[in-house]
């Protein structure tokens, strides 16, 4: 699975785009580093060739990684919903 891995200090988020097994922890080991993302400067540095290679090998994209790569026009994909709205408590 290709997903984001958060690194950096508190309140100074910085992300890696990594290839990892979906059963591994998000902050754990990864198989390959595919890029980096700086949300403060809105700068994405990704290895397009390696991402397309792994997608052709059957790797999946997390919804957040999919939307990030679609926004920066790295991949020509549709955006997907990456979060679920909270259900409102029923008032009795």
C-alpha atoms as a PDB file:
ATOM      1  CA  UNK A   1       0.000   0.000   0.000  1.00  0.00           C
ATOM      2  CA  UNK A   2       1.221   3.495  -0.824  1.00  0.00           C
ATOM      3  CA  UNK A   3       0.411   5.864   2.037  1.00  0.00           C
ATOM      4  CA  UNK A   4       1.652   8.854   4.009  1.00  0.00           C
ATOM      5  CA  UNK A   5       3.935   8.537   7.024  1.00  0.00           C
ATOM      6  CA  UNK A   6       4.034  11.505   9.383  1.00  0.00           C
ATOM      7  CA  UNK A   7       7.452  12.721  10.496  1.00  0.00           C
ATOM      8  CA  UNK A   8       8.654  15.973  12.010  1.00  0.00           C
ATOM      9  CA  UNK A   9       8.210  17.751  15.288  1.00  0.00           C
ATOM     10  CA  UNK A  10       5.008  18.575  17.095  1.00  0.00           C
ATOM     11  CA  UNK A  11       2.975  21.142  15.121  1.00  0.00           C
ATOM     12  CA  UNK A  12       5.533  20.945  12.293  1.00  0.00           C
ATOM     13  CA  UNK A  13       4.155  18.056  10.288  1.00  0.00           C
ATOM     14  CA  UNK A  14       6.121  16.663   7.386  1.00  0.00           C
ATOM     15  CA  UNK A  15       5.119  13.554   5.461  1.00  0.00           C
ATOM     16  CA  UNK A  16       6.838  10.771   3.560  1.00  0.00           C
ATOM     17  CA  UNK A  17       5.085   8.959   0.724  1.00  0.00           C
ATOM     18  CA  UNK A  18       6.038   5.344   1.367  1.00  0.00           C
ATOM     19  CA  UNK A  19       5.334   1.851   0.105  1.00  0.00           C
ATOM     20  CA  UNK A  20       4.517  -0.499   2.955  1.00  0.00           C
ATOM     21  CA  UNK A  21       2.386  -3.517   3.715  1.00  0.00           C
ATOM     22  CA  UNK A  22      -1.104  -2.603   4.852  1.00  0.00           C
ATOM     23  CA  UNK A  23      -0.660  -4.688   8.000  1.00  0.00           C
ATOM     24  CA  UNK A  24       2.368  -2.685   9.211  1.00  0.00           C
ATOM     25  CA  UNK A  25       2.071   0.282  11.557  1.00  0.00           C
ATOM     26  CA  UNK A  26       1.892   3.661   9.778  1.00  0.00           C
ATOM     27  CA  UNK A  27       4.998   4.884  11.629  1.00  0.00           C
ATOM     28  CA  UNK A  28       6.891   1.606  11.255  1.00  0.00           C
ATOM     29  CA  UNK A  29       9.271   0.272   8.651  1.00  0.00           C
ATOM     30  CA  UNK A  30       8.577   0.739   4.967  1.00  0.00           C
ATOM     31  CA  UNK A  31       9.774  -1.020   1.826  1.00  0.00           C
ATOM     32  CA  UNK A  32      10.518   2.033  -0.301  1.00  0.00           C
ATOM     33  CA  UNK A  33      10.492   5.806   0.048  1.00  0.00           C
ATOM     34  CA  UNK A  34       8.557   7.245  -2.891  1.00  0.00           C
ATOM     35  CA  UNK A  35       8.518  10.940  -2.042  1.00  0.00           C
ATOM     36  CA  UNK A  36       8.004  13.670   0.530  1.00  0.00           C
ATOM     37  CA  UNK A  37       5.300  16.251   1.198  1.00  0.00           C
ATOM     38  CA  UNK A  38       5.621  19.548   3.047  1.00  0.00           C
ATOM     39  CA  UNK A  39       2.080  20.740   3.895  1.00  0.00           C
ATOM     40  CA  UNK A  40       3.276  24.157   5.080  1.00  0.00           C
ATOM     41  CA  UNK A  41       4.808  25.058   1.713  1.00  0.00           C
ATOM     42  CA  UNK A  42       2.360  22.768  -0.159  1.00  0.00           C
ATOM     43  CA  UNK A  43       5.366  21.144  -1.847  1.00  0.00           C
ATOM     44  CA  UNK A  44       5.290  17.538  -3.058  1.00  0.00           C
ATOM     45  CA  UNK A  45       8.387  15.751  -4.341  1.00  0.00           C
ATOM     46  CA  UNK A  46       7.394  12.323  -5.642  1.00  0.00           C
ATOM     47  CA  UNK A  47       9.069   9.680  -7.786  1.00  0.00           C
ATOM     48  CA  UNK A  48       6.388   9.320 -10.460  1.00  0.00           C
ATOM     49  CA  UNK A  49       8.045   6.404 -12.241  1.00  0.00           C
ATOM     50  CA  UNK A  50       8.328   4.324  -9.065  1.00  0.00           C
ATOM     51  CA  UNK A  51       4.733   5.102  -8.019  1.00  0.00           C
ATOM     52  CA  UNK A  52       3.356   4.013 -11.406  1.00  0.00           C
ATOM     53  CA  UNK A  53       5.563   0.903 -11.275  1.00  0.00           C
ATOM     54  CA  UNK A  54       4.210  -0.168  -7.896  1.00  0.00           C
ATOM     55  CA  UNK A  55       0.636   0.568  -8.944  1.00  0.00           C
ATOM     56  CA  UNK A  56       1.149  -1.683 -11.973  1.00  0.00           C
ATOM     57  CA  UNK A  57       2.423  -4.395  -9.605  1.00  0.00           C
ATOM     58  CA  UNK A  58      -0.835  -4.288  -7.638  1.00  0.00           C
ATOM     59  CA  UNK A  59      -0.094  -1.795  -4.863  1.00  0.00           C
ATOM     60  CA  UNK A  60      -3.064   0.185  -3.566  1.00  0.00           C
ATOM     61  CA  UNK A  61      -3.200   3.870  -2.689  1.00  0.00           C
ATOM     62  CA  UNK A  62      -4.599   5.106   0.584  1.00  0.00           C
ATOM     63  CA  UNK A  63      -7.420   7.614   0.048  1.00  0.00           C
ATOM     64  CA  UNK A  64      -5.307  10.498   1.386  1.00  0.00           C
ATOM     65  CA  UNK A  65      -2.324   9.611  -0.794  1.00  0.00           C
ATOM     66  CA  UNK A  66      -4.644   9.244  -3.794  1.00  0.00           C
ATOM     67  CA  UNK A  67      -6.113  12.721  -3.260  1.00  0.00           C
ATOM     68  CA  UNK A  68      -2.682  14.271  -2.693  1.00  0.00           C
ATOM     69  CA  UNK A  69      -1.258  12.802  -5.909  1.00  0.00           C
ATOM     70  CA  UNK A  70      -4.412  13.785  -7.827  1.00  0.00           C
ATOM     71  CA  UNK A  71      -4.279  17.383  -6.547  1.00  0.00           C
ATOM     72  CA  UNK A  72      -0.652  17.770  -7.603  1.00  0.00           C
ATOM     73  CA  UNK A  73      -1.392  16.132 -10.993  1.00  0.00           C
ATOM     74  CA  UNK A  74       1.126  13.319 -10.385  1.00  0.00           C
ATOM     75  CA  UNK A  75      -1.569  10.748 -11.232  1.00  0.00           C
ATOM     76  CA  UNK A  76      -4.646  11.157 -13.391  1.00  0.00           C
ATOM     77  CA  UNK A  77      -7.175   9.770 -10.925  1.00  0.00           C
ATOM     78  CA  UNK A  78     -10.468  10.789  -9.399  1.00  0.00           C
ATOM     79  CA  UNK A  79     -10.470  12.068  -5.842  1.00  0.00           C
ATOM     80  CA  UNK A  80     -12.088   9.831  -3.223  1.00  0.00           C
ATOM     81  CA  UNK A  81     -13.591  10.599   0.164  1.00  0.00           C
ATOM     82  CA  UNK A  82     -10.862  10.044   2.735  1.00  0.00           C
ATOM     83  CA  UNK A  83     -12.853  10.631   5.898  1.00  0.00           C
ATOM     84  CA  UNK A  84     -16.253   9.736   7.282  1.00  0.00           C
ATOM     85  CA  UNK A  85     -18.453  12.371   8.896  1.00  0.00           C
ATOM     86  CA  UNK A  86     -19.336  11.802  12.534  1.00  0.00           C
ATOM     87  CA  UNK A  87     -22.851  10.599  13.195  1.00  0.00           C
ATOM     88  CA  UNK A  88     -24.931  13.032  15.182  1.00  0.00           C
ATOM     89  CA  UNK A  89     -26.328  11.715  18.427  1.00  0.00           C
ATOM     90  CA  UNK A  90     -30.085  11.273  18.395  1.00  0.00           C
ATOM     91  CA  UNK A  91     -31.826  13.540  20.885  1.00  0.00           C
ATOM     92  CA  UNK A  92     -34.542  11.752  22.849  1.00  0.00           C
END
